[in-house]
Structures are given as C-alpha cells and as structure tokens.
C-alpha cells in the first residue's frame, strides 16, 4: 500500500472517529464547546481526506462521489435554517434531500465496486 493511501485512510478514519467522539460527548451531556470543537476537528480531517484523494494521480471521481459531496453541502447549508434563521420547512427539505443524495451515492458506490469486483 502506498504512503499516500495510508495517509488518506488515516485522515478518513481519524475524522470519522472524531465525529463519533463528538456525538458521544453531545449525548453524554458534555458542554457545547466540546461538541463543536470535536466536530470542527472532524470536519477538518475529513476535508484533508477529500483534498488528498482529489490530488491522487489518476483519480477520477464518479457520480456517486458527486452525490455524496452534494449531500454534505446541503447538510451544511441546512444547519443555519435550524438554529440561526428557524425555517423548519426549508431545513427539513434540505436535510432530507441531503440524506437522500448521500444514500443514493452510497448505493451507486457499492454497485460500482461490486461491478468492478465481478469483472476481475
């Protein structure tokens, strides 16, 4: 395994682990600054993962990745409509659209990988 792939996986799994810790802190009643700090670090690590993946030579993103990234963007866009400018209908529309896009991207990713595996 190349060093680049190892660092990519380190960013991904560290970001996901930090996200899990952030939500565990929130669910256990930790102060809000703990959750937001951990969430910020998780987002930073996942952003570093995406940047390193896009810089990998020969990487060509598929439709599944674009769907997942669009879903992430919609979730980030929907957040202010829940807390800062409460518009429940808009928040729910954006949030559930994001979940649908991310689920669709995940399904496409799994199908494309299954297709690649069967052609080997």
N, C-alpha and C. Protein backbone atom coordinates (compact mmCIF):
# COMPACT_ATOMS: atom_id res chain seq x y z
N UNK A 1 0.85 -1.17 0.00
CA UNK A 1 0.00 0.00 0.00
C UNK A 1 0.90 1.24 0.00
N UNK A 2 0.59 2.20 -0.85
CA UNK A 2 1.38 3.41 -0.94
C UNK A 2 1.21 4.27 0.30
N UNK A 3 2.21 5.12 0.55
CA UNK A 3 2.16 6.02 1.70
C UNK A 3 0.98 6.98 1.59
N UNK A 4 0.67 7.44 0.36
CA UNK A 4 -0.45 8.36 0.16
C UNK A 4 -1.76 7.72 0.57
N UNK A 5 -1.95 6.46 0.21
CA UNK A 5 -3.18 5.77 0.58
C UNK A 5 -3.28 5.60 2.09
N UNK A 6 -2.15 5.37 2.75
CA UNK A 6 -2.16 5.23 4.21
C UNK A 6 -2.55 6.55 4.87
N UNK A 7 -1.99 7.67 4.37
CA UNK A 7 -2.36 8.96 4.96
C UNK A 7 -3.80 9.30 4.66
N UNK A 8 -4.29 8.92 3.47
CA UNK A 8 -5.71 9.14 3.14
C UNK A 8 -6.60 8.41 4.14
N UNK A 9 -6.27 7.14 4.38
CA UNK A 9 -7.08 6.36 5.31
C UNK A 9 -6.96 6.89 6.73
N UNK A 10 -5.78 7.39 7.09
CA UNK A 10 -5.60 7.95 8.43
C UNK A 10 -6.50 9.18 8.61
N UNK A 11 -6.55 10.05 7.60
CA UNK A 11 -7.43 11.22 7.67
C UNK A 11 -8.89 10.79 7.76
N UNK A 12 -9.27 9.83 6.94
CA UNK A 12 -10.66 9.38 6.91
C UNK A 12 -11.08 8.78 8.25
N UNK A 13 -10.32 7.80 8.73
CA UNK A 13 -10.71 7.11 9.95
C UNK A 13 -10.56 8.00 11.19
N UNK A 14 -9.56 8.89 11.18
CA UNK A 14 -9.44 9.83 12.30
C UNK A 14 -10.62 10.78 12.33
N UNK A 15 -11.02 11.26 11.15
CA UNK A 15 -12.18 12.15 11.07
C UNK A 15 -13.46 11.47 11.51
N UNK A 16 -13.65 10.24 11.06
CA UNK A 16 -14.86 9.51 11.46
C UNK A 16 -14.85 9.20 12.95
N UNK A 17 -13.68 8.84 13.47
CA UNK A 17 -13.56 8.58 14.91
C UNK A 17 -13.84 9.83 15.73
N UNK A 18 -13.32 10.96 15.27
CA UNK A 18 -13.54 12.23 15.97
C UNK A 18 -15.02 12.62 15.92
N UNK A 19 -15.66 12.32 14.81
CA UNK A 19 -17.10 12.57 14.69
C UNK A 19 -17.88 11.73 15.69
N UNK A 20 -17.49 10.49 15.83
CA UNK A 20 -18.13 9.61 16.81
C UNK A 20 -17.93 10.13 18.23
N UNK A 21 -16.72 10.57 18.53
CA UNK A 21 -16.43 11.12 19.86
C UNK A 21 -17.24 12.40 20.10
N UNK A 22 -17.37 13.23 19.06
CA UNK A 22 -18.14 14.47 19.20
C UNK A 22 -19.59 14.17 19.56
N UNK A 23 -20.20 13.23 18.85
CA UNK A 23 -21.60 12.92 19.15
C UNK A 23 -21.75 12.18 20.48
N UNK A 24 -20.76 11.39 20.85
CA UNK A 24 -20.79 10.76 22.17
C UNK A 24 -20.72 11.82 23.26
N UNK A 25 -19.89 12.85 23.05
CA UNK A 25 -19.80 13.94 24.02
C UNK A 25 -21.14 14.69 24.12
N UNK A 26 -21.77 14.88 22.99
CA UNK A 26 -23.06 15.59 22.99
C UNK A 26 -24.13 14.77 23.73
N UNK A 27 -24.15 13.46 23.44
CA UNK A 27 -25.17 12.59 24.05
C UNK A 27 -24.97 12.39 25.55
N UNK A 28 -23.71 12.54 26.00
CA UNK A 28 -23.45 12.36 27.44
C UNK A 28 -23.60 13.65 28.22
N UNK A 29 -23.93 14.74 27.52
CA UNK A 29 -24.18 16.00 28.21
C UNK A 29 -22.96 16.86 28.43
N UNK A 30 -21.92 16.64 27.65
CA UNK A 30 -20.72 17.48 27.76
C UNK A 30 -21.06 18.91 27.33
N UNK A 31 -20.28 19.88 27.75
CA UNK A 31 -20.54 21.26 27.34
C UNK A 31 -20.54 21.42 25.82
N UNK A 32 -21.29 22.39 25.34
CA UNK A 32 -21.45 22.59 23.90
C UNK A 32 -20.12 22.85 23.20
N UNK A 33 -19.20 23.56 23.87
CA UNK A 33 -17.93 23.85 23.21
C UNK A 33 -17.14 22.57 22.92
N UNK A 34 -17.31 21.54 23.73
CA UNK A 34 -16.63 20.26 23.46
C UNK A 34 -17.14 19.66 22.16
N UNK A 35 -18.46 19.64 22.02
CA UNK A 35 -19.05 19.08 20.80
C UNK A 35 -18.60 19.85 19.57
N UNK A 36 -18.70 21.18 19.62
CA UNK A 36 -18.37 21.99 18.45
C UNK A 36 -16.89 21.93 18.11
N UNK A 37 -16.04 21.86 19.11
CA UNK A 37 -14.60 21.74 18.86
C UNK A 37 -14.29 20.40 18.20
N UNK A 38 -14.83 19.32 18.76
CA UNK A 38 -14.59 18.00 18.19
C UNK A 38 -15.19 17.88 16.79
N UNK A 39 -16.36 18.47 16.58
CA UNK A 39 -16.98 18.45 15.26
C UNK A 39 -16.12 19.21 14.26
N UNK A 40 -15.59 20.35 14.67
CA UNK A 40 -14.71 21.13 13.79
C UNK A 40 -13.47 20.36 13.39
N UNK A 41 -12.86 19.67 14.35
CA UNK A 41 -11.68 18.87 14.06
C UNK A 41 -12.05 17.72 13.11
N UNK A 42 -13.20 17.10 13.33
CA UNK A 42 -13.64 16.00 12.46
C UNK A 42 -13.85 16.51 11.03
N UNK A 43 -14.48 17.65 10.89
CA UNK A 43 -14.71 18.21 9.55
C UNK A 43 -13.38 18.56 8.90
N UNK A 44 -12.44 19.10 9.66
CA UNK A 44 -11.12 19.43 9.12
C UNK A 44 -10.42 18.17 8.62
N UNK A 45 -10.44 17.10 9.41
CA UNK A 45 -9.79 15.86 9.00
C UNK A 45 -10.45 15.25 7.76
N UNK A 46 -11.76 15.31 7.71
CA UNK A 46 -12.45 14.77 6.53
C UNK A 46 -12.19 15.63 5.30
N UNK A 47 -12.03 16.94 5.50
CA UNK A 47 -11.68 17.83 4.39
C UNK A 47 -10.27 17.52 3.88
N UNK A 48 -9.34 17.30 4.81
CA UNK A 48 -7.99 16.91 4.40
C UNK A 48 -8.00 15.59 3.63
N UNK A 49 -8.86 14.67 4.05
CA UNK A 49 -9.00 13.40 3.33
C UNK A 49 -9.46 13.65 1.89
N UNK A 50 -10.49 14.48 1.73
CA UNK A 50 -11.01 14.74 0.38
C UNK A 50 -9.97 15.45 -0.48
N UNK A 51 -9.26 16.40 0.08
CA UNK A 51 -8.23 17.11 -0.68
C UNK A 51 -7.15 16.14 -1.13
N UNK A 52 -6.72 15.27 -0.24
CA UNK A 52 -5.66 14.32 -0.60
C UNK A 52 -6.15 13.30 -1.63
N UNK A 53 -7.42 12.93 -1.56
CA UNK A 53 -7.96 11.99 -2.56
C UNK A 53 -8.04 12.65 -3.93
N UNK A 54 -8.51 13.90 -3.97
CA UNK A 54 -8.62 14.59 -5.26
C UNK A 54 -7.25 14.88 -5.88
N UNK A 55 -6.20 14.95 -5.08
CA UNK A 55 -4.86 15.19 -5.60
C UNK A 55 -4.15 13.92 -6.03
N UNK A 56 -4.73 12.77 -5.74
CA UNK A 56 -4.12 11.50 -6.10
C UNK A 56 -4.09 11.37 -7.62
N UNK A 57 -2.93 11.02 -8.14
CA UNK A 57 -2.77 10.89 -9.58
C UNK A 57 -3.65 9.76 -10.11
N UNK A 58 -4.37 10.05 -11.16
CA UNK A 58 -5.21 9.04 -11.78
C UNK A 58 -6.59 8.90 -11.16
N UNK A 59 -6.89 9.70 -10.15
CA UNK A 59 -8.21 9.60 -9.52
C UNK A 59 -9.24 10.29 -10.39
N UNK A 60 -10.32 9.57 -10.68
CA UNK A 60 -11.44 10.14 -11.42
C UNK A 60 -12.70 9.95 -10.59
N UNK A 61 -13.28 11.05 -10.12
CA UNK A 61 -14.48 10.93 -9.30
C UNK A 61 -15.66 10.44 -10.13
N UNK A 62 -16.47 9.61 -9.51
CA UNK A 62 -17.66 9.11 -10.17
C UNK A 62 -18.89 9.88 -9.72
N UNK A 63 -20.00 9.56 -10.31
CA UNK A 63 -21.26 10.20 -9.95
C UNK A 63 -21.57 10.01 -8.47
N UNK A 64 -21.23 8.85 -7.93
CA UNK A 64 -21.51 8.57 -6.52
C UNK A 64 -20.83 9.57 -5.61
N UNK A 65 -19.59 9.96 -5.93
CA UNK A 65 -18.87 10.91 -5.08
C UNK A 65 -19.52 12.29 -5.16
N UNK A 66 -19.91 12.68 -6.36
CA UNK A 66 -20.58 13.98 -6.50
C UNK A 66 -21.90 14.01 -5.72
N UNK A 67 -22.64 12.91 -5.72
CA UNK A 67 -23.89 12.86 -4.96
C UNK A 67 -23.63 12.99 -3.46
N UNK A 68 -22.62 12.28 -2.98
CA UNK A 68 -22.29 12.35 -1.55
C UNK A 68 -21.83 13.74 -1.16
N UNK A 69 -20.98 14.35 -1.98
CA UNK A 69 -20.49 15.70 -1.67
C UNK A 69 -21.61 16.73 -1.73
N UNK A 70 -22.52 16.57 -2.66
CA UNK A 70 -23.68 17.48 -2.73
C UNK A 70 -24.54 17.31 -1.49
N UNK A 71 -24.70 16.07 -1.03
CA UNK A 71 -25.45 15.83 0.20
C UNK A 71 -24.79 16.48 1.41
N UNK A 72 -23.47 16.41 1.48
CA UNK A 72 -22.75 17.06 2.58
C UNK A 72 -22.95 18.57 2.53
N UNK A 73 -22.85 19.13 1.33
CA UNK A 73 -23.04 20.57 1.17
C UNK A 73 -24.46 20.99 1.59
N UNK A 74 -25.46 20.20 1.21
CA UNK A 74 -26.84 20.53 1.59
C UNK A 74 -27.04 20.46 3.11
N UNK A 75 -26.38 19.52 3.75
CA UNK A 75 -26.49 19.45 5.22
C UNK A 75 -25.89 20.70 5.84
N UNK A 76 -24.73 21.11 5.34
CA UNK A 76 -24.11 22.32 5.87
C UNK A 76 -24.96 23.56 5.60
N UNK A 77 -25.58 23.61 4.43
CA UNK A 77 -26.46 24.74 4.10
C UNK A 77 -27.70 24.73 4.98
N UNK A 78 -28.20 23.55 5.32
CA UNK A 78 -29.44 23.45 6.09
C UNK A 78 -29.27 23.84 7.57
N UNK A 79 -28.05 23.72 8.08
CA UNK A 79 -27.83 23.96 9.51
C UNK A 79 -28.28 25.34 9.99
N UNK A 80 -27.96 26.42 9.28
CA UNK A 80 -28.44 27.73 9.76
C UNK A 80 -29.96 27.85 9.79
N UNK A 81 -30.64 27.10 8.93
CA UNK A 81 -32.10 27.18 8.89
C UNK A 81 -32.75 26.41 10.04
N UNK A 82 -31.93 25.74 10.81
CA UNK A 82 -32.45 25.08 12.00
C UNK A 82 -32.24 25.95 13.23
N UNK A 83 -31.11 26.64 13.31
CA UNK A 83 -30.77 27.37 14.53
C UNK A 83 -30.77 28.89 14.36
N UNK A 84 -30.07 29.41 13.38
CA UNK A 84 -29.93 30.86 13.25
C UNK A 84 -31.18 31.54 12.70
N UNK A 85 -31.69 31.00 11.60
CA UNK A 85 -32.88 31.54 10.95
C UNK A 85 -33.89 30.39 10.90
N UNK A 86 -34.63 30.17 11.98
CA UNK A 86 -35.51 28.99 12.03
C UNK A 86 -36.60 29.01 10.94
N UNK A 87 -36.41 28.15 9.96
CA UNK A 87 -37.41 27.91 8.91
C UNK A 87 -37.53 26.39 8.80
N UNK A 88 -38.39 25.81 9.65
CA UNK A 88 -38.45 24.34 9.73
C UNK A 88 -38.70 23.64 8.40
N UNK A 89 -39.58 24.18 7.58
CA UNK A 89 -39.90 23.51 6.31
C UNK A 89 -38.68 23.48 5.39
N UNK A 90 -37.97 24.60 5.31
CA UNK A 90 -36.79 24.66 4.46
C UNK A 90 -35.69 23.76 5.00
N UNK A 91 -35.50 23.78 6.32
CA UNK A 91 -34.50 22.93 6.94
C UNK A 91 -34.78 21.46 6.65
N UNK A 92 -36.01 21.03 6.85
CA UNK A 92 -36.36 19.62 6.62
C UNK A 92 -36.20 19.24 5.16
N UNK A 93 -36.58 20.12 4.25
CA UNK A 93 -36.44 19.84 2.82
C UNK A 93 -34.97 19.66 2.45
N UNK A 94 -34.13 20.59 2.89
CA UNK A 94 -32.71 20.50 2.58
C UNK A 94 -32.07 19.28 3.25
N UNK A 95 -32.40 19.06 4.51
CA UNK A 95 -31.79 17.96 5.26
C UNK A 95 -32.16 16.61 4.67
N UNK A 96 -33.44 16.38 4.41
CA UNK A 96 -33.84 15.08 3.89
C UNK A 96 -33.42 14.88 2.44
N UNK A 97 -33.30 15.96 1.69
CA UNK A 97 -32.74 15.86 0.34
C UNK A 97 -31.28 15.44 0.42
N UNK A 98 -30.56 16.01 1.39
CA UNK A 98 -29.16 15.65 1.58
C UNK A 98 -29.01 14.18 1.94
N UNK A 99 -29.85 13.71 2.84
CA UNK A 99 -29.79 12.30 3.23
C UNK A 99 -30.07 11.41 2.02
N UNK A 100 -31.05 11.79 1.21
CA UNK A 100 -31.37 11.01 0.01
C UNK A 100 -30.21 10.98 -0.97
N UNK A 101 -29.57 12.13 -1.18
CA UNK A 101 -28.42 12.18 -2.09
C UNK A 101 -27.26 11.33 -1.57
N UNK A 102 -27.00 11.41 -0.27
CA UNK A 102 -25.91 10.63 0.30
C UNK A 102 -26.20 9.14 0.22
N UNK A 103 -27.43 8.75 0.48
CA UNK A 103 -27.80 7.33 0.39
C UNK A 103 -27.70 6.85 -1.06
N UNK A 104 -28.17 7.67 -1.98
CA UNK A 104 -28.06 7.32 -3.40
C UNK A 104 -26.60 7.17 -3.83
N UNK A 105 -25.76 8.08 -3.38
CA UNK A 105 -24.33 8.00 -3.69
C UNK A 105 -23.69 6.76 -3.12
N UNK A 106 -24.07 6.41 -1.90
CA UNK A 106 -23.54 5.21 -1.27
C UNK A 106 -23.96 3.96 -2.04
N UNK A 107 -25.21 3.91 -2.45
CA UNK A 107 -25.70 2.75 -3.23
C UNK A 107 -24.96 2.66 -4.56
N UNK A 108 -24.79 3.80 -5.24
CA UNK A 108 -24.05 3.78 -6.51
C UNK A 108 -22.60 3.34 -6.31
N UNK A 109 -21.98 3.80 -5.22
CA UNK A 109 -20.61 3.41 -4.94
C UNK A 109 -20.52 1.90 -4.73
N UNK A 110 -21.42 1.36 -3.94
CA UNK A 110 -21.39 -0.07 -3.67
C UNK A 110 -21.65 -0.88 -4.94
N UNK A 111 -22.57 -0.41 -5.77
CA UNK A 111 -22.86 -1.11 -7.03
C UNK A 111 -21.67 -1.05 -7.98
N UNK A 112 -21.02 0.11 -8.06
CA UNK A 112 -19.87 0.22 -8.97
C UNK A 112 -18.71 -0.64 -8.48
N UNK A 113 -18.52 -0.72 -7.18
CA UNK A 113 -17.43 -1.57 -6.66
C UNK A 113 -17.76 -3.04 -6.87
N UNK A 114 -19.03 -3.40 -6.72
CA UNK A 114 -19.43 -4.78 -6.93
C UNK A 114 -19.22 -5.17 -8.39
N UNK A 115 -19.54 -4.23 -9.29
CA UNK A 115 -19.35 -4.47 -10.72
C UNK A 115 -17.87 -4.63 -11.03
N UNK A 116 -17.01 -3.81 -10.42
CA UNK A 116 -15.56 -3.92 -10.65
C UNK A 116 -15.05 -5.25 -10.14
N UNK A 117 -15.53 -5.69 -9.00
CA UNK A 117 -15.09 -6.95 -8.40
C UNK A 117 -15.50 -8.14 -9.28
N UNK A 118 -16.67 -8.08 -9.89
CA UNK A 118 -17.15 -9.21 -10.69
C UNK A 118 -16.42 -9.28 -12.04
N UNK A 119 -15.82 -8.17 -12.49
CA UNK A 119 -15.10 -8.17 -13.76
C UNK A 119 -13.65 -8.62 -13.60
N UNK A 120 -13.19 -8.85 -12.41
CA UNK A 120 -11.80 -9.29 -12.20
C UNK A 120 -11.63 -10.74 -12.44
